[in-house]
Amino acid sequence: MTVFLRGISFAWIVAALAIFGVLLGLRAWLGYRRLTAEAEADWDYRVAHDMQDLRLDKAGFVRAFRKVNAPRLSLYLAGGAGLIIILTPVVFGLINVFLWGVWKFSNESRVFEPGYLVWEFSIFFGLIAAWALIGAAVARRYHANSPGLMRDAMMAERENFMPTRKLVVGPNPLHINGQGQADEYRKMFEEALGLNCERQDNWNQTGHICEIYSDGSDMNICVHSEGEGIMFQAQTHPFFFTRKHAKEDVEEARSTIVMCLDGAHDAFKKIETSDLNITKTTGNKHSHMRSISHENLDIFLYENSKGKK
């Protein structure tokens, strides 16, 4: 039988693959080490600027960030190089056994004699084909396990999310234009959701009415109504006026309310049957979360698992 390193040597290719794999493996390892710190810094920045998804906690965001931003390419390339190095001797041995059988089956024809042209060419192209198949298998697995977009990863994390606080709003305090709908908001926040209400008839010395709803924590929902003969102005209520700057988003900013309470489905029904303009609802009576969209406000109600029997 022929000698592996005879003629065109594959040792240089294997050595190059080994170096390539080690370098990529080191790059992947360093990339994974940085991911958690980068994810936590991104989350802290979002929190500081009221940009975080309130249906996620920090741990869930970090998991989603690591999944999407993992250095998968470097890891898979290193793994592919390692597989080629490990499997090359095995493939080479199988090719030799096969060619030996062909030579014997041909009554030891000189055409297929070990060490000659057909033998060497068969080994060369056989190994190239085997490496290509290994590379294709690794590439197929790489694409099959693609994590998708950050949005998709965060949506997956939301499925198992449960609030640790009764009330979380974003931004905090949350300001709502309640002109003409103050009674309906009172029914929703006070009667349906069980929040406490503090009424201020001269909010910030503006002459306007503000009803502040809260669960007693630092989270506040402020429903504003215009005072008699007075209109909201940008100086007194800047949160109701569009900001003018070059990079302004086309879509109106949305506000979020997340609540965890006993009887979330009953509260949902009360809100759904109110006179507020409900534009979208999700979930059903068997869901652990139900949501309601009203104008630029999204409300997410989670059933308190501790309250379930």
C-alpha atoms as a PDB file:
ATOM      1  CA  MET A   1       0.000   0.000   0.000  1.00  0.00           C
ATOM      2  CA  THR A   2       1.095   3.546  -0.661  1.00  0.00           C
ATOM      3  CA  VAL A   3       2.504   5.923   1.923  1.00  0.00           C
ATOM      4  CA  PHE A   4       0.358   8.900   2.842  1.00  0.00           C
ATOM      5  CA  LEU A   5       3.089  11.528   2.707  1.00  0.00           C
ATOM      6  CA  ARG A   6       4.444  10.290  -0.586  1.00  0.00           C
ATOM      7  CA  GLY A   7       4.239  12.605  -3.590  1.00  0.00           C
ATOM      8  CA  ILE A   8       2.048  15.662  -2.959  1.00  0.00           C
ATOM      9  CA  SER A   9       2.148  16.045   0.800  1.00  0.00           C
ATOM     10  CA  PHE A  10      -1.064  16.751   2.725  1.00  0.00           C
ATOM     11  CA  ALA A  11       0.916  17.487   5.881  1.00  0.00           C
ATOM     12  CA  TRP A  12       1.151  21.171   4.987  1.00  0.00           C
ATOM     13  CA  ILE A  13      -2.602  21.386   4.435  1.00  0.00           C
ATOM     14  CA  VAL A  14      -3.362  19.638   7.721  1.00  0.00           C
ATOM     15  CA  ALA A  15      -0.863  21.847   9.562  1.00  0.00           C
ATOM     16  CA  ALA A  16      -2.387  24.976   8.021  1.00  0.00           C
ATOM     17  CA  LEU A  17      -5.870  23.798   9.012  1.00  0.00           C
ATOM     18  CA  ALA A  18      -4.669  23.149  12.557  1.00  0.00           C
ATOM     19  CA  ILE A  19      -3.237  26.668  12.867  1.00  0.00           C
ATOM     20  CA  PHE A  20      -6.374  28.112  11.270  1.00  0.00           C
ATOM     21  CA  GLY A  21      -8.613  26.176  13.663  1.00  0.00           C
ATOM     22  CA  VAL A  22      -6.633  27.183  16.764  1.00  0.00           C
ATOM     23  CA  LEU A  23      -6.710  30.871  15.821  1.00  0.00           C
ATOM     24  CA  LEU A  24     -10.449  30.800  15.119  1.00  0.00           C
ATOM     25  CA  GLY A  25     -11.110  28.835  18.287  1.00  0.00           C
ATOM     26  CA  LEU A  26      -9.205  31.438  20.298  1.00  0.00           C
ATOM     27  CA  ARG A  27     -11.170  34.207  18.594  1.00  0.00           C
ATOM     28  CA  ALA A  28     -14.465  32.480  19.405  1.00  0.00           C
ATOM     29  CA  TRP A  29     -13.432  31.969  23.042  1.00  0.00           C
ATOM     30  CA  LEU A  30     -12.507  35.624  23.453  1.00  0.00           C
ATOM     31  CA  GLY A  31     -15.743  36.643  21.753  1.00  0.00           C
ATOM     32  CA  TYR A  32     -17.860  34.559  24.118  1.00  0.00           C
ATOM     33  CA  ARG A  33     -16.020  36.003  27.122  1.00  0.00           C
ATOM     34  CA  ARG A  34     -16.913  39.559  26.072  1.00  0.00           C
ATOM     35  CA  LEU A  35     -20.565  38.856  25.295  1.00  0.00           C
ATOM     36  CA  THR A  36     -21.999  38.994  28.818  1.00  0.00           C
ATOM     37  CA  ALA A  37     -20.302  42.284  29.649  1.00  0.00           C
ATOM     38  CA  GLU A  38     -21.451  43.795  26.332  1.00  0.00           C
ATOM     39  CA  ALA A  39     -25.021  42.571  26.889  1.00  0.00           C
ATOM     40  CA  GLU A  40     -25.159  43.988  30.412  1.00  0.00           C
ATOM     41  CA  ALA A  41     -23.768  47.324  29.232  1.00  0.00           C
ATOM     42  CA  ASP A  42     -26.364  47.443  26.434  1.00  0.00           C
ATOM     43  CA  TRP A  43     -29.158  46.683  28.914  1.00  0.00           C
ATOM     44  CA  ASP A  44     -27.955  49.348  31.359  1.00  0.00           C
ATOM     45  CA  TYR A  45     -27.865  51.894  28.537  1.00  0.00           C
ATOM     46  CA  ARG A  46     -31.419  51.005  27.501  1.00  0.00           C
ATOM     47  CA  VAL A  47     -32.636  51.306  31.091  1.00  0.00           C
ATOM     48  CA  ALA A  48     -30.942  54.674  31.533  1.00  0.00           C
ATOM     49  CA  HIS A  49     -32.693  56.003  28.413  1.00  0.00           C
ATOM     50  CA  ASP A  50     -36.085  54.272  28.949  1.00  0.00           C
ATOM     51  CA  MET A  51     -35.472  52.078  25.906  1.00  0.00           C
ATOM     52  CA  GLN A  52     -35.653  48.640  27.527  1.00  0.00           C
ATOM     53  CA  ASP A  53     -38.339  46.079  26.751  1.00  0.00           C
ATOM     54  CA  LEU A  54     -40.427  45.941  29.934  1.00  0.00           C
ATOM     55  CA  ARG A  55     -41.495  42.388  29.104  1.00  0.00           C
ATOM     56  CA  LEU A  56     -37.938  41.211  29.675  1.00  0.00           C
ATOM     57  CA  ASP A  57     -35.637  41.175  32.667  1.00  0.00           C
ATOM     58  CA  LYS A  58     -31.908  41.672  32.487  1.00  0.00           C
ATOM     59  CA  ALA A  59     -31.136  37.949  32.503  1.00  0.00           C
ATOM     60  CA  GLY A  60     -33.514  37.314  29.584  1.00  0.00           C
ATOM     61  CA  PHE A  61     -32.030  40.175  27.583  1.00  0.00           C
ATOM     62  CA  VAL A  62     -28.501  38.886  28.208  1.00  0.00           C
ATOM     63  CA  ARG A  63     -29.501  35.400  27.014  1.00  0.00           C
ATOM     64  CA  ALA A  64     -31.064  36.825  23.848  1.00  0.00           C
ATOM     65  CA  PHE A  65     -28.052  39.085  23.209  1.00  0.00           C
ATOM     66  CA  ARG A  66     -25.586  36.209  23.662  1.00  0.00           C
ATOM     67  CA  LYS A  67     -27.606  33.966  21.372  1.00  0.00           C
ATOM     68  CA  VAL A  68     -27.785  36.485  18.533  1.00  0.00           C
ATOM     69  CA  ASN A  69     -24.312  38.021  18.819  1.00  0.00           C
ATOM     70  CA  ALA A  70     -22.327  34.877  19.594  1.00  0.00           C
ATOM     71  CA  PRO A  71     -19.235  34.485  17.354  1.00  0.00           C
ATOM     72  CA  ARG A  72     -20.834  31.447  15.699  1.00  0.00           C
ATOM     73  CA  LEU A  73     -18.898  31.760  12.428  1.00  0.00           C
ATOM     74  CA  SER A  74     -15.516  31.541  14.149  1.00  0.00           C
ATOM     75  CA  LEU A  75     -16.741  28.675  16.316  1.00  0.00           C
ATOM     76  CA  TYR A  76     -18.123  26.649  13.394  1.00  0.00           C
ATOM     77  CA  LEU A  77     -15.081  27.280  11.214  1.00  0.00           C
ATOM     78  CA  ALA A  78     -12.821  26.129  14.042  1.00  0.00           C
ATOM     79  CA  GLY A  79     -15.028  23.089  14.561  1.00  0.00           C
ATOM     80  CA  GLY A  80     -14.983  22.299  10.836  1.00  0.00           C
ATOM     81  CA  ALA A  81     -11.186  22.517  10.736  1.00  0.00           C
ATOM     82  CA  GLY A  82     -10.996  20.238  13.770  1.00  0.00           C
ATOM     83  CA  LEU A  83     -13.323  17.682  12.172  1.00  0.00           C
ATOM     84  CA  ILE A  84     -11.240  17.646   8.999  1.00  0.00           C
ATOM     85  CA  ILE A  85      -8.044  17.062  10.990  1.00  0.00           C
ATOM     86  CA  ILE A  86      -9.628  14.283  13.058  1.00  0.00           C
ATOM     87  CA  LEU A  87     -11.420  12.544  10.181  1.00  0.00           C
ATOM     88  CA  THR A  88      -8.663  12.827   7.551  1.00  0.00           C
ATOM     89  CA  PRO A  89      -6.717   9.751   8.775  1.00  0.00           C
ATOM     90  CA  VAL A  90      -9.945   7.770   8.946  1.00  0.00           C
ATOM     91  CA  VAL A  91     -11.011   8.795   5.438  1.00  0.00           C
ATOM     92  CA  PHE A  92      -7.522   8.159   4.116  1.00  0.00           C
ATOM     93  CA  GLY A  93      -7.554   4.658   5.571  1.00  0.00           C
ATOM     94  CA  LEU A  94     -10.971   3.874   4.082  1.00  0.00           C
ATOM     95  CA  ILE A  95      -9.884   5.125   0.659  1.00  0.00           C
ATOM     96  CA  ASN A  96      -6.780   2.933   0.835  1.00  0.00           C
ATOM     97  CA  VAL A  97      -8.845  -0.112   1.790  1.00  0.00           C
ATOM     98  CA  PHE A  98     -11.264   0.578  -1.064  1.00  0.00           C
ATOM     99  CA  LEU A  99      -8.482   1.044  -3.634  1.00  0.00           C
ATOM    100  CA  TRP A 100      -6.720  -2.082  -2.378  1.00  0.00           C
ATOM    101  CA  GLY A 101      -9.943  -4.005  -2.937  1.00  0.00           C
ATOM    102  CA  VAL A 102     -10.302  -2.555  -6.450  1.00  0.00           C
ATOM    103  CA  TRP A 103      -6.728  -3.583  -7.255  1.00  0.00           C
ATOM    104  CA  LYS A 104      -7.281  -7.108  -6.012  1.00  0.00           C
ATOM    105  CA  PHE A 105     -10.654  -7.345  -7.813  1.00  0.00           C
ATOM    106  CA  SER A 106      -8.890  -6.360 -11.060  1.00  0.00           C
ATOM    107  CA  ASN A 107      -6.489  -9.280 -10.644  1.00  0.00           C
ATOM    108  CA  GLU A 108      -3.774  -6.879  -9.545  1.00  0.00           C
ATOM    109  CA  SER A 109      -3.887  -4.834 -12.726  1.00  0.00           C
ATOM    110  CA  ARG A 110      -0.985  -2.447 -13.174  1.00  0.00           C
ATOM    111  CA  VAL A 111      -3.537   0.354 -13.774  1.00  0.00           C
ATOM    112  CA  PHE A 112      -4.723   0.197 -10.152  1.00  0.00           C
ATOM    113  CA  GLU A 113      -1.432  -0.848  -8.610  1.00  0.00           C
ATOM    114  CA  PRO A 114      -0.696   0.873  -5.262  1.00  0.00           C
ATOM    115  CA  GLY A 115       1.565   3.880  -5.586  1.00  0.00           C
ATOM    116  CA  TYR A 116       0.890   4.598  -9.239  1.00  0.00           C
ATOM    117  CA  LEU A 117      -1.027   7.364 -10.990  1.00  0.00           C
ATOM    118  CA  VAL A 118      -4.629   6.122 -10.591  1.00  0.00           C
ATOM    119  CA  TRP A 119      -3.987   5.210  -6.962  1.00  0.00           C
ATOM    120  CA  GLU A 120      -2.473   8.598  -6.108  1.00  0.00           C
ATOM    121  CA  PHE A 121      -5.111  10.570  -8.003  1.00  0.00           C
ATOM    122  CA  SER A 122      -7.911   8.612  -6.343  1.00  0.00           C
ATOM    123  CA  ILE A 123      -6.512   9.370  -2.897  1.00  0.00           C
ATOM    124  CA  PHE A 124      -6.022  13.041  -3.752  1.00  0.00           C
ATOM    125  CA  PHE A 125      -9.512  13.665  -5.113  1.00  0.00           C
ATOM    126  CA  GLY A 126     -11.101  11.361  -2.541  1.00  0.00           C
ATOM    127  CA  LEU A 127      -9.686  13.410   0.301  1.00  0.00           C
ATOM    128  CA  ILE A 128     -10.700  16.667  -1.380  1.00  0.00           C
ATOM    129  CA  ALA A 129     -14.253  15.334  -1.788  1.00  0.00           C
ATOM    130  CA  ALA A 130     -14.357  14.204   1.861  1.00  0.00           C
ATOM    131  CA  TRP A 131     -13.198  17.639   3.061  1.00  0.00           C
ATOM    132  CA  ALA A 132     -15.845  19.295   0.883  1.00  0.00           C
ATOM    133  CA  LEU A 133     -18.545  17.052   2.367  1.00  0.00           C
ATOM    134  CA  ILE A 134     -17.401  17.866   5.910  1.00  0.00           C
ATOM    135  CA  GLY A 135     -17.416  21.580   5.100  1.00  0.00           C
ATOM    136  CA  ALA A 136     -20.884  21.332   3.572  1.00  0.00           C
ATOM    137  CA  ALA A 137     -22.221  19.482   6.640  1.00  0.00           C
ATOM    138  CA  VAL A 138     -20.787  22.125   8.984  1.00  0.00           C
ATOM    139  CA  ALA A 139     -22.197  24.952   6.831  1.00  0.00           C
ATOM    140  CA  ARG A 140     -25.612  23.270   6.752  1.00  0.00           C
ATOM    141  CA  ARG A 141     -25.662  22.981  10.526  1.00  0.00           C
ATOM    142  CA  TYR A 142     -24.473  26.578  10.893  1.00  0.00           C
ATOM    143  CA  HIS A 143     -27.391  27.903   8.846  1.00  0.00           C
ATOM    144  CA  ALA A 144     -29.931  25.495  10.367  1.00  0.00           C
ATOM    145  CA  ASN A 145     -29.088  26.729  13.877  1.00  0.00           C
ATOM    146  CA  SER A 146     -29.102  30.421  12.964  1.00  0.00           C
ATOM    147  CA  PRO A 147     -30.597  32.411  15.899  1.00  0.00           C
ATOM    148  CA  GLY A 148     -32.286  34.949  13.642  1.00  0.00           C
ATOM    149  CA  LEU A 149     -32.754  38.593  14.575  1.00  0.00           C
ATOM    150  CA  MET A 150     -32.508  40.108  18.050  1.00  0.00           C
ATOM    151  CA  ARG A 151     -36.239  40.764  17.831  1.00  0.00           C
ATOM    152  CA  ASP A 152     -36.921  37.043  17.393  1.00  0.00           C
ATOM    153  CA  ALA A 153     -34.674  36.074  20.309  1.00  0.00           C
ATOM    154  CA  MET A 154     -36.354  38.635  22.568  1.00  0.00           C
ATOM    155  CA  MET A 155     -39.799  37.375  21.546  1.00  0.00           C
ATOM    156  CA  ALA A 156     -38.757  33.852  22.516  1.00  0.00           C
ATOM    157  CA  GLU A 157     -37.548  35.090  25.910  1.00  0.00           C
ATOM    158  CA  ARG A 158     -40.836  36.927  26.498  1.00  0.00           C
ATOM    159  CA  GLU A 159     -42.788  33.663  26.379  1.00  0.00           C
ATOM    160  CA  ASN A 160     -41.524  32.624  29.805  1.00  0.00           C
ATOM    161  CA  PHE A 161     -41.282  36.101  31.326  1.00  0.00           C
ATOM    162  CA  MET A 162     -43.067  36.888  34.594  1.00  0.00           C
ATOM    163  CA  PRO A 163     -42.864  40.347  36.214  1.00  0.00           C
ATOM    164  CA  THR A 164     -41.250  40.523  39.631  1.00  0.00           C
ATOM    165  CA  ARG A 165     -43.075  43.771  40.456  1.00  0.00           C
ATOM    166  CA  LYS A 166     -46.786  44.514  40.477  1.00  0.00           C
ATOM    167  CA  LEU A 167     -46.446  47.602  38.278  1.00  0.00           C
ATOM    168  CA  VAL A 168     -43.783  48.724  35.831  1.00  0.00           C
ATOM    169  CA  VAL A 169     -44.275  51.580  33.371  1.00  0.00           C
ATOM    170  CA  GLY A 170     -42.097  52.985  30.669  1.00  0.00           C
ATOM    171  CA  PRO A 171     -41.211  55.717  30.538  1.00  0.00           C
ATOM    172  CA  ASN A 172     -41.622  56.464  34.233  1.00  0.00           C
ATOM    173  CA  PRO A 173     -43.549  58.590  35.036  1.00  0.00           C
ATOM    174  CA  LEU A 174     -45.923  57.773  32.199  1.00  0.00           C
ATOM    175  CA  HIS A 175     -47.991  60.697  30.913  1.00  0.00           C
ATOM    176  CA  ILE A 176     -51.382  60.217  29.237  1.00  0.00           C
ATOM    177  CA  ASN A 177     -53.555  62.846  27.608  1.00  0.00           C
ATOM    178  CA  GLY A 178     -56.842  62.116  29.328  1.00  0.00           C
ATOM    179  CA  GLN A 179     -58.816  65.065  27.965  1.00  0.00           C
ATOM    180  CA  GLY A 180     -62.413  63.878  27.613  1.00  0.00           C
ATOM    181  CA  GLN A 181     -61.553  60.362  28.790  1.00  0.00           C
ATOM    182  CA  ALA A 182     -60.570  60.910  32.419  1.00  0.00           C
ATOM    183  CA  ASP A 183     -63.549  58.898  33.684  1.00  0.00           C
ATOM    184  CA  GLU A 184     -62.686  55.939  31.460  1.00  0.00           C
ATOM    185  CA  TYR A 185     -59.056  55.989  32.577  1.00  0.00           C
ATOM    186  CA  ARG A 186     -60.248  56.128  36.177  1.00  0.00           C
ATOM    187  CA  LYS A 187     -62.355  53.023  35.615  1.00  0.00           C
ATOM    188  CA  MET A 188     -59.416  51.241  33.996  1.00  0.00           C
ATOM    189  CA  PHE A 189     -56.638  52.120  36.430  1.00  0.00           C
ATOM    190  CA  GLU A 190     -58.587  52.359  39.671  1.00  0.00           C
ATOM    191  CA  GLU A 191     -61.455  49.879  39.274  1.00  0.00           C
ATOM    192  CA  ALA A 192     -60.058  47.288  36.843  1.00  0.00           C
ATOM    193  CA  LEU A 193     -56.380  47.345  37.813  1.00  0.00           C
ATOM    194  CA  GLY A 194     -56.742  48.308  41.472  1.00  0.00           C
ATOM    195  CA  LEU A 195     -54.290  51.203  41.490  1.00  0.00           C
ATOM    196  CA  ASN A 196     -54.422  54.097  43.942  1.00  0.00           C
ATOM    197  CA  CYS A 197     -55.307  57.557  42.652  1.00  0.00           C
ATOM    198  CA  GLU A 198     -54.034  60.951  43.783  1.00  0.00           C
ATOM    199  CA  ARG A 199     -55.765  63.913  42.168  1.00  0.00           C
ATOM    200  CA  GLN A 200     -54.026  67.261  41.699  1.00  0.00           C
ATOM    201  CA  ASP A 201     -56.278  70.077  40.474  1.00  0.00           C
ATOM    202  CA  ASN A 202     -53.372  72.445  39.868  1.00  0.00           C
ATOM    203  CA  TRP A 203     -50.622  70.199  38.613  1.00  0.00           C
ATOM    204  CA  ASN A 204     -47.226  71.905  38.829  1.00  0.00           C
ATOM    205  CA  GLN A 205     -48.986  75.274  39.166  1.00  0.00           C
ATOM    206  CA  THR A 206     -50.258  75.031  35.580  1.00  0.00           C
ATOM    207  CA  GLY A 207     -53.982  75.145  36.282  1.00  0.00           C
ATOM    208  CA  HIS A 208     -54.392  71.701  34.726  1.00  0.00           C
ATOM    209  CA  ILE A 209     -55.752  68.552  36.384  1.00  0.00           C
ATOM    210  CA  CYS A 210     -53.581  65.476  36.884  1.00  0.00           C
ATOM    211  CA  GLU A 211     -54.674  62.138  38.343  1.00  0.00           C
ATOM    212  CA  ILE A 212     -51.657  60.084  39.385  1.00  0.00           C
ATOM    213  CA  TYR A 213     -52.146  56.320  39.593  1.00  0.00           C
ATOM    214  CA  SER A 214     -49.684  54.087  41.417  1.00  0.00           C
ATOM    215  CA  ASP A 215     -49.374  50.845  43.383  1.00  0.00           C
ATOM    216  CA  GLY A 216     -47.430  52.660  46.110  1.00  0.00           C
ATOM    217  CA  SER A 217     -44.054  52.150  44.460  1.00  0.00           C
ATOM    218  CA  ASP A 218     -42.004  54.639  42.457  1.00  0.00           C
ATOM    219  CA  MET A 219     -44.008  53.847  39.310  1.00  0.00           C
ATOM    220  CA  ASN A 220     -46.545  56.535  38.363  1.00  0.00           C
ATOM    221  CA  ILE A 221     -49.156  56.893  35.627  1.00  0.00           C
ATOM    222  CA  CYS A 222     -50.179  60.522  35.160  1.00  0.00           C
ATOM    223  CA  VAL A 223     -53.495  61.192  33.382  1.00  0.00           C
ATOM    224  CA  HIS A 224     -53.715  64.866  32.436  1.00  0.00           C
ATOM    225  CA  SER A 225     -56.834  66.900  31.727  1.00  0.00           C
ATOM    226  CA  GLU A 226     -56.954  70.508  30.580  1.00  0.00           C
ATOM    227  CA  GLY A 227     -58.076  73.115  33.069  1.00  0.00           C
ATOM    228  CA  GLU A 228     -61.061  75.282  32.290  1.00  0.00           C
ATOM    229  CA  GLY A 229     -60.240  77.676  29.476  1.00  0.00           C
ATOM    230  CA  ILE A 230     -56.593  76.540  29.390  1.00  0.00           C
ATOM    231  CA  MET A 231     -54.944  74.341  26.754  1.00  0.00           C
ATOM    232  CA  PHE A 232     -51.890  72.145  27.010  1.00  0.00           C
ATOM    233  CA  GLN A 233     -48.721  73.908  25.921  1.00  0.00           C
ATOM    234  CA  ALA A 234     -45.256  72.657  25.078  1.00  0.00           C
ATOM    235  CA  GLN A 235     -43.857  74.597  28.039  1.00  0.00           C
ATOM    236  CA  THR A 236     -46.123  72.859  30.565  1.00  0.00           C
ATOM    237  CA  HIS A 237     -46.697  69.449  28.901  1.00  0.00           C
ATOM    238  CA  PRO A 238     -43.730  68.820  26.552  1.00  0.00           C
ATOM    239  CA  PHE A 239     -44.454  65.061  26.491  1.00  0.00           C
ATOM    240  CA  PHE A 240     -47.601  65.696  24.417  1.00  0.00           C
ATOM    241  CA  PHE A 241     -45.818  67.647  21.696  1.00  0.00           C
ATOM    242  CA  THR A 242     -43.701  66.263  18.890  1.00  0.00           C
ATOM    243  CA  ARG A 243     -40.040  67.005  19.299  1.00  0.00           C
ATOM    244  CA  LYS A 244     -38.345  68.722  16.393  1.00  0.00           C
ATOM    245  CA  HIS A 245     -34.952  67.333  15.478  1.00  0.00           C
ATOM    246  CA  ALA A 246     -33.247  65.888  12.434  1.00  0.00           C
ATOM    247  CA  LYS A 247     -33.295  62.258  13.528  1.00  0.00           C
ATOM    248  CA  GLU A 248     -36.869  62.157  14.762  1.00  0.00           C
ATOM    249  CA  ASP A 249     -38.617  58.819  14.231  1.00  0.00           C
ATOM    250  CA  VAL A 250     -41.590  58.802  11.904  1.00  0.00           C
ATOM    251  CA  GLU A 251     -43.620  56.535  14.191  1.00  0.00           C
ATOM    252  CA  GLU A 252     -45.087  57.929  17.382  1.00  0.00           C
ATOM    253  CA  ALA A 253     -43.339  56.763  20.531  1.00  0.00           C
ATOM    254  CA  ARG A 254     -45.318  54.149  22.437  1.00  0.00           C
ATOM    255  CA  SER A 255     -45.726  53.849  26.188  1.00  0.00           C
ATOM    256  CA  THR A 256     -45.902  50.573  28.095  1.00  0.00           C
ATOM    257  CA  ILE A 257     -47.620  49.359  31.256  1.00  0.00           C
ATOM    258  CA  VAL A 258     -46.774  45.920  32.664  1.00  0.00           C
ATOM    259  CA  MET A 259     -48.773  44.569  35.608  1.00  0.00           C
ATOM    260  CA  CYS A 260     -48.771  41.307  37.530  1.00  0.00           C
ATOM    261  CA  LEU A 261     -52.002  40.777  39.437  1.00  0.00           C
ATOM    262  CA  ASP A 262     -54.540  38.237  40.616  1.00  0.00           C
ATOM    263  CA  GLY A 263     -57.483  38.068  38.251  1.00  0.00           C
ATOM    264  CA  ALA A 264     -55.669  39.440  35.209  1.00  0.00           C
ATOM    265  CA  HIS A 265     -58.294  37.990  32.875  1.00  0.00           C
ATOM    266  CA  ASP A 266     -61.153  39.667  34.770  1.00  0.00           C
ATOM    267  CA  ALA A 267     -59.285  42.989  34.638  1.00  0.00           C
ATOM    268  CA  PHE A 268     -58.739  42.472  30.915  1.00  0.00           C
ATOM    269  CA  LYS A 269     -62.482  41.972  30.349  1.00  0.00           C
ATOM    270  CA  LYS A 270     -63.345  45.145  32.251  1.00  0.00           C
ATOM    271  CA  ILE A 271     -60.913  47.176  30.158  1.00  0.00           C
ATOM    272  CA  GLU A 272     -61.982  45.529  26.902  1.00  0.00           C
ATOM    273  CA  THR A 273     -65.642  46.437  27.483  1.00  0.00           C
ATOM    274  CA  SER A 274     -64.850  50.062  28.375  1.00  0.00           C
ATOM    275  CA  ASP A 275     -65.432  53.040  26.079  1.00  0.00           C
ATOM    276  CA  LEU A 276     -61.697  53.436  25.432  1.00  0.00           C
ATOM    277  CA  ASN A 277     -60.565  53.008  21.826  1.00  0.00           C
ATOM    278  CA  ILE A 278     -59.034  49.506  21.922  1.00  0.00           C
ATOM    279  CA  THR A 279     -57.033  48.910  18.745  1.00  0.00           C
ATOM    280  CA  LYS A 280     -55.548  45.466  19.475  1.00  0.00           C
ATOM    281  CA  THR A 281     -55.789  42.631  22.008  1.00  0.00           C
ATOM    282  CA  THR A 282     -53.825  39.395  22.415  1.00  0.00           C
ATOM    283  CA  GLY A 283     -54.125  36.247  24.498  1.00  0.00           C
ATOM    284  CA  ASN A 284     -57.070  34.271  25.813  1.00  0.00           C
ATOM    285  CA  LYS A 285     -58.415  33.118  29.177  1.00  0.00           C
ATOM    286  CA  HIS A 286     -55.814  30.328  29.285  1.00  0.00           C
ATOM    287  CA  SER A 287     -52.853  32.636  28.597  1.00  0.00           C
ATOM    288  CA  HIS A 288     -50.561  33.767  31.384  1.00  0.00           C
ATOM    289  CA  MET A 289     -50.483  37.196  29.705  1.00  0.00           C
ATOM    290  CA  ARG A 290     -53.067  39.314  27.922  1.00  0.00           C
ATOM    291  CA  SER A 291     -52.377  42.606  26.207  1.00  0.00           C
ATOM    292  CA  ILE A 292     -54.377  45.643  25.157  1.00  0.00           C
ATOM    293  CA  SER A 293     -53.329  48.445  22.829  1.00  0.00           C
ATOM    294  CA  HIS A 294     -55.026  51.823  23.169  1.00  0.00           C
ATOM    295  CA  GLU A 295     -53.787  54.628  20.933  1.00  0.00           C
ATOM    296  CA  ASN A 296     -50.036  54.844  21.732  1.00  0.00           C
ATOM    297  CA  LEU A 297     -50.355  52.838  24.972  1.00  0.00           C
ATOM    298  CA  ASP A 298     -49.643  49.103  25.337  1.00  0.00           C
ATOM    299  CA  ILE A 299     -50.858  47.332  28.485  1.00  0.00           C
ATOM    300  CA  PHE A 300     -49.626  43.840  29.402  1.00  0.00           C
ATOM    301  CA  LEU A 301     -51.457  42.003  32.181  1.00  0.00           C
ATOM    302  CA  TYR A 302     -49.794  38.910  33.698  1.00  0.00           C
ATOM    303  CA  GLU A 303     -51.711  36.469  35.851  1.00  0.00           C
ATOM    304  CA  ASN A 304     -50.017  36.180  39.232  1.00  0.00           C
ATOM    305  CA  SER A 305     -48.948  32.533  39.397  1.00  0.00           C
ATOM    306  CA  LYS A 306     -48.820  32.678  43.207  1.00  0.00           C
ATOM    307  CA  GLY A 307     -52.489  33.519  43.208  1.00  0.00           C
ATOM    308  CA  LYS A 308     -53.420  30.443  41.221  1.00  0.00           C
ATOM    309  CA  LYS A 309     -54.731  27.350  42.986  1.00  0.00           C
END
